[in-house]
Amino acid sequence: MDDAERIATVILRLAVENNSKFVRGKKRAKENIERYCLEPYGMKPLASGNYSLSILYRNEEALDKTVHDLLTEIRQEAEMRNCIIEADDWEEGSERRW
C-alpha cells in the first residue's frame, strides 16, 4: 500500500441556518466555521458559493476520517450558535462523495 502524502481538493457545499425563527447566530456561526474549521485546509471561496479545501492525506481511510471529522466539527460549531448545517462534499476529479 502506498502511503505517500497526497493532497485531495475537496469541494464543500455548506448551508448554515438558524435552528428556529427565535434565535440568531447564523452569521457568527458561518464566520467561526470559516475561521476555525475551513481555514486550516486552505479554504478558497468559489464563485458558486462553495468552498475549495486542500486536504493532505496518506490513504483513502485517512482522507475519509479527516472529512468526517471536519463535518462533525462544522456541525458542532453551528450547534453552539443554535444553527444547523446542510453539507455536501466531493473530491474534485473523482466520484468520491461524503
N, C-alpha and C. Protein backbone atom coordinates (compact mmCIF):
# COMPACT_ATOMS: atom_id res chain seq x y z
N MET A 1 0.85 -1.19 0.00
CA MET A 1 0.00 0.00 0.00
C MET A 1 0.88 1.24 0.00
N ASP A 2 0.58 2.18 -0.85
CA ASP A 2 1.35 3.40 -0.98
C ASP A 2 0.89 4.41 0.06
N ASP A 3 1.78 4.79 0.96
CA ASP A 3 1.42 5.76 2.00
C ASP A 3 2.09 7.12 1.79
N ALA A 4 2.40 7.46 0.56
CA ALA A 4 2.96 8.78 0.27
C ALA A 4 1.87 9.83 0.50
N GLU A 5 2.27 11.00 0.97
CA GLU A 5 1.28 12.05 1.20
C GLU A 5 0.79 12.61 -0.12
N ARG A 6 -0.51 12.78 -0.19
CA ARG A 6 -1.16 13.38 -1.36
C ARG A 6 -2.07 14.48 -0.87
N ILE A 7 -2.52 15.30 -1.81
CA ILE A 7 -3.46 16.37 -1.46
C ILE A 7 -4.73 16.16 -2.28
N ALA A 8 -5.84 16.09 -1.57
CA ALA A 8 -7.14 15.99 -2.24
C ALA A 8 -7.76 17.39 -2.26
N THR A 9 -8.28 17.77 -3.40
CA THR A 9 -9.06 19.01 -3.48
C THR A 9 -10.51 18.61 -3.26
N VAL A 10 -11.05 19.07 -2.14
CA VAL A 10 -12.41 18.71 -1.75
C VAL A 10 -13.28 19.96 -1.88
N ILE A 11 -14.40 19.81 -2.56
CA ILE A 11 -15.35 20.91 -2.70
C ILE A 11 -16.44 20.71 -1.65
N LEU A 12 -16.72 21.76 -0.90
CA LEU A 12 -17.72 21.71 0.17
C LEU A 12 -18.85 22.68 -0.16
N ARG A 13 -20.06 22.14 -0.22
CA ARG A 13 -21.25 22.99 -0.31
C ARG A 13 -21.83 23.03 1.09
N LEU A 14 -21.94 24.22 1.65
CA LEU A 14 -22.36 24.35 3.04
C LEU A 14 -23.47 25.37 3.18
N ALA A 15 -24.55 24.97 3.81
CA ALA A 15 -25.64 25.89 4.15
C ALA A 15 -25.76 25.91 5.67
N VAL A 16 -25.77 27.10 6.25
CA VAL A 16 -25.92 27.28 7.69
C VAL A 16 -27.23 28.02 7.92
N GLU A 17 -28.08 27.47 8.77
CA GLU A 17 -29.38 28.10 9.06
C GLU A 17 -29.64 28.11 10.56
N ASN A 18 -30.38 29.12 11.01
CA ASN A 18 -30.80 29.14 12.41
C ASN A 18 -31.73 27.95 12.64
N ASN A 19 -31.66 27.36 13.86
CA ASN A 19 -32.48 26.17 14.09
C ASN A 19 -33.92 26.50 14.49
N SER A 20 -34.24 27.78 14.68
CA SER A 20 -35.63 28.19 14.86
C SER A 20 -35.72 29.68 14.53
N LYS A 21 -36.93 30.16 14.35
CA LYS A 21 -37.08 31.58 14.00
C LYS A 21 -36.83 32.49 15.19
N PHE A 22 -36.65 31.92 16.38
CA PHE A 22 -36.46 32.72 17.59
C PHE A 22 -35.00 32.93 17.95
N VAL A 23 -34.10 32.38 17.17
CA VAL A 23 -32.67 32.53 17.50
C VAL A 23 -31.94 33.24 16.38
N ARG A 24 -30.80 33.81 16.76
CA ARG A 24 -29.91 34.43 15.79
C ARG A 24 -28.56 33.78 15.97
N GLY A 25 -27.74 33.88 14.99
CA GLY A 25 -26.41 33.31 15.15
C GLY A 25 -25.83 32.78 13.85
N LYS A 26 -26.63 32.79 12.79
CA LYS A 26 -26.19 32.23 11.53
C LYS A 26 -24.91 32.90 11.01
N LYS A 27 -24.86 34.23 11.07
CA LYS A 27 -23.69 34.95 10.56
C LYS A 27 -22.44 34.59 11.36
N ARG A 28 -22.54 34.61 12.68
CA ARG A 28 -21.38 34.29 13.53
C ARG A 28 -20.98 32.83 13.37
N ALA A 29 -21.96 31.94 13.25
CA ALA A 29 -21.65 30.51 13.06
C ALA A 29 -20.86 30.32 11.78
N LYS A 30 -21.29 30.96 10.70
CA LYS A 30 -20.59 30.81 9.42
C LYS A 30 -19.18 31.40 9.50
N GLU A 31 -19.04 32.56 10.15
CA GLU A 31 -17.71 33.16 10.32
C GLU A 31 -16.79 32.23 11.10
N ASN A 32 -17.29 31.66 12.20
CA ASN A 32 -16.47 30.76 13.02
C ASN A 32 -16.12 29.48 12.27
N ILE A 33 -17.07 28.94 11.52
CA ILE A 33 -16.80 27.74 10.73
C ILE A 33 -15.69 28.02 9.73
N GLU A 34 -15.78 29.16 9.04
CA GLU A 34 -14.73 29.50 8.07
C GLU A 34 -13.39 29.66 8.76
N ARG A 35 -13.36 30.39 9.87
CA ARG A 35 -12.10 30.69 10.55
C ARG A 35 -11.47 29.46 11.19
N TYR A 36 -12.26 28.71 11.95
CA TYR A 36 -11.69 27.64 12.77
C TYR A 36 -11.70 26.26 12.09
N CYS A 37 -12.66 26.02 11.22
CA CYS A 37 -12.78 24.69 10.62
C CYS A 37 -12.19 24.63 9.21
N LEU A 38 -12.43 25.65 8.41
CA LEU A 38 -12.06 25.58 7.00
C LEU A 38 -10.70 26.19 6.68
N GLU A 39 -10.33 27.29 7.35
CA GLU A 39 -9.05 27.93 7.03
C GLU A 39 -7.84 27.00 7.17
N PRO A 40 -7.81 26.09 8.17
CA PRO A 40 -6.66 25.17 8.25
C PRO A 40 -6.48 24.31 7.00
N TYR A 41 -7.51 24.22 6.17
CA TYR A 41 -7.43 23.43 4.94
C TYR A 41 -7.29 24.33 3.70
N GLY A 42 -6.77 25.53 3.90
CA GLY A 42 -6.53 26.43 2.76
C GLY A 42 -7.81 26.82 2.04
N MET A 43 -8.87 27.08 2.81
CA MET A 43 -10.18 27.41 2.25
C MET A 43 -10.09 28.50 1.17
N LYS A 44 -10.72 28.21 0.04
CA LYS A 44 -10.87 29.21 -1.02
C LYS A 44 -12.36 29.28 -1.36
N PRO A 45 -12.99 30.43 -1.12
CA PRO A 45 -14.40 30.56 -1.52
C PRO A 45 -14.49 30.54 -3.05
N LEU A 46 -15.47 29.83 -3.57
CA LEU A 46 -15.67 29.74 -5.01
C LEU A 46 -16.84 30.62 -5.43
N ALA A 47 -16.90 30.99 -6.68
CA ALA A 47 -17.97 31.85 -7.20
C ALA A 47 -19.34 31.23 -6.97
N SER A 48 -19.41 29.90 -6.96
CA SER A 48 -20.67 29.19 -6.78
C SER A 48 -21.20 29.30 -5.35
N GLY A 49 -20.37 29.83 -4.43
CA GLY A 49 -20.76 29.87 -3.02
C GLY A 49 -20.21 28.68 -2.26
N ASN A 50 -19.62 27.73 -2.97
CA ASN A 50 -18.98 26.58 -2.34
C ASN A 50 -17.58 26.95 -1.89
N TYR A 51 -16.91 26.02 -1.24
CA TYR A 51 -15.54 26.21 -0.79
C TYR A 51 -14.66 25.12 -1.39
N SER A 52 -13.43 25.49 -1.71
CA SER A 52 -12.44 24.51 -2.14
C SER A 52 -11.46 24.34 -0.99
N LEU A 53 -11.22 23.09 -0.60
CA LEU A 53 -10.32 22.77 0.51
C LEU A 53 -9.22 21.85 0.02
N SER A 54 -8.02 22.03 0.54
CA SER A 54 -6.90 21.15 0.20
C SER A 54 -6.60 20.29 1.42
N ILE A 55 -6.86 19.00 1.31
CA ILE A 55 -6.71 18.09 2.45
C ILE A 55 -5.57 17.12 2.18
N LEU A 56 -4.57 17.17 3.06
CA LEU A 56 -3.41 16.28 2.97
C LEU A 56 -3.80 14.91 3.53
N TYR A 57 -3.43 13.84 2.83
CA TYR A 57 -3.77 12.50 3.33
C TYR A 57 -2.76 11.48 2.82
N ARG A 58 -2.70 10.36 3.52
CA ARG A 58 -1.78 9.28 3.15
C ARG A 58 -2.49 8.13 2.44
N ASN A 59 -3.75 7.88 2.83
CA ASN A 59 -4.51 6.80 2.19
C ASN A 59 -6.00 7.15 2.24
N GLU A 60 -6.80 6.35 1.56
CA GLU A 60 -8.24 6.63 1.44
C GLU A 60 -8.93 6.68 2.81
N GLU A 61 -8.54 5.77 3.71
CA GLU A 61 -9.16 5.74 5.04
C GLU A 61 -8.85 7.03 5.80
N ALA A 62 -7.62 7.52 5.68
CA ALA A 62 -7.24 8.76 6.36
C ALA A 62 -8.03 9.94 5.80
N LEU A 63 -8.22 9.97 4.49
CA LEU A 63 -9.00 11.05 3.88
C LEU A 63 -10.45 10.99 4.35
N ASP A 64 -11.04 9.80 4.37
CA ASP A 64 -12.41 9.65 4.86
C ASP A 64 -12.53 10.15 6.29
N LYS A 65 -11.60 9.76 7.15
CA LYS A 65 -11.64 10.17 8.56
C LYS A 65 -11.51 11.68 8.69
N THR A 66 -10.59 12.28 7.95
CA THR A 66 -10.41 13.73 8.02
C THR A 66 -11.68 14.46 7.61
N VAL A 67 -12.30 14.03 6.52
CA VAL A 67 -13.52 14.70 6.05
C VAL A 67 -14.66 14.50 7.05
N HIS A 68 -14.82 13.29 7.58
CA HIS A 68 -15.90 13.05 8.55
C HIS A 68 -15.66 13.86 9.83
N ASP A 69 -14.40 13.93 10.29
CA ASP A 69 -14.08 14.74 11.47
C ASP A 69 -14.37 16.22 11.21
N LEU A 70 -14.04 16.69 10.02
CA LEU A 70 -14.30 18.08 9.67
C LEU A 70 -15.79 18.38 9.68
N LEU A 71 -16.59 17.49 9.12
CA LEU A 71 -18.04 17.70 9.11
C LEU A 71 -18.61 17.70 10.53
N THR A 72 -18.08 16.84 11.39
CA THR A 72 -18.51 16.82 12.80
C THR A 72 -18.16 18.14 13.48
N GLU A 73 -16.96 18.63 13.22
CA GLU A 73 -16.51 19.89 13.81
C GLU A 73 -17.39 21.06 13.32
N ILE A 74 -17.72 21.07 12.04
CA ILE A 74 -18.58 22.12 11.48
C ILE A 74 -19.96 22.06 12.13
N ARG A 75 -20.50 20.85 12.27
CA ARG A 75 -21.82 20.68 12.88
C ARG A 75 -21.82 21.18 14.33
N GLN A 76 -20.76 20.85 15.09
CA GLN A 76 -20.68 21.28 16.49
C GLN A 76 -20.56 22.79 16.59
N GLU A 77 -19.78 23.40 15.72
CA GLU A 77 -19.63 24.86 15.72
C GLU A 77 -20.98 25.53 15.45
N ALA A 78 -21.74 24.99 14.51
CA ALA A 78 -23.07 25.53 14.20
C ALA A 78 -24.02 25.37 15.39
N GLU A 79 -23.98 24.20 16.02
CA GLU A 79 -24.88 23.94 17.16
C GLU A 79 -24.60 24.89 18.32
N MET A 80 -23.34 25.28 18.51
CA MET A 80 -23.01 26.22 19.60
C MET A 80 -23.67 27.58 19.37
N ARG A 81 -24.02 27.88 18.14
CA ARG A 81 -24.69 29.14 17.79
C ARG A 81 -26.16 28.93 17.46
N ASN A 82 -26.72 27.81 17.91
CA ASN A 82 -28.13 27.48 17.67
C ASN A 82 -28.46 27.41 16.18
N CYS A 83 -27.56 26.81 15.43
CA CYS A 83 -27.76 26.66 13.99
C CYS A 83 -27.65 25.19 13.59
N ILE A 84 -28.11 24.93 12.39
CA ILE A 84 -27.96 23.61 11.80
C ILE A 84 -27.24 23.79 10.46
N ILE A 85 -26.64 22.71 9.99
CA ILE A 85 -25.96 22.78 8.70
C ILE A 85 -26.50 21.74 7.75
N GLU A 86 -26.32 22.01 6.49
CA GLU A 86 -26.53 21.03 5.44
C GLU A 86 -25.27 21.10 4.60
N ALA A 87 -24.62 19.95 4.41
CA ALA A 87 -23.33 19.96 3.71
C ALA A 87 -23.21 18.79 2.76
N ASP A 88 -22.57 19.05 1.64
CA ASP A 88 -22.17 18.02 0.69
C ASP A 88 -20.71 18.25 0.39
N ASP A 89 -19.92 17.19 0.32
CA ASP A 89 -18.53 17.33 -0.09
C ASP A 89 -18.23 16.29 -1.13
N TRP A 90 -17.34 16.66 -2.01
CA TRP A 90 -16.87 15.71 -3.01
C TRP A 90 -15.45 16.05 -3.40
N GLU A 91 -14.73 15.02 -3.80
CA GLU A 91 -13.35 15.21 -4.23
C GLU A 91 -13.37 15.61 -5.69
N GLU A 92 -12.70 16.71 -5.98
CA GLU A 92 -12.64 17.19 -7.36
C GLU A 92 -11.95 16.16 -8.25
N GLY A 93 -12.54 15.90 -9.40
CA GLY A 93 -11.94 14.98 -10.34
C GLY A 93 -12.14 13.50 -10.02
N SER A 94 -13.03 13.20 -9.09
CA SER A 94 -13.31 11.79 -8.78
C SER A 94 -14.80 11.63 -8.49
N GLU A 95 -15.19 10.40 -8.28
CA GLU A 95 -16.60 10.10 -7.96
C GLU A 95 -16.83 10.10 -6.46
N ARG A 96 -15.80 10.37 -5.68
CA ARG A 96 -15.84 10.27 -4.22
C ARG A 96 -16.69 11.37 -3.60
N ARG A 97 -17.65 10.97 -2.78
CA ARG A 97 -18.54 11.92 -2.07
C ARG A 97 -18.65 11.51 -0.61
N TRP A 98 -18.94 12.50 0.24
CA TRP A 98 -19.14 12.20 1.65
C TRP A 98 -20.46 12.76 2.11
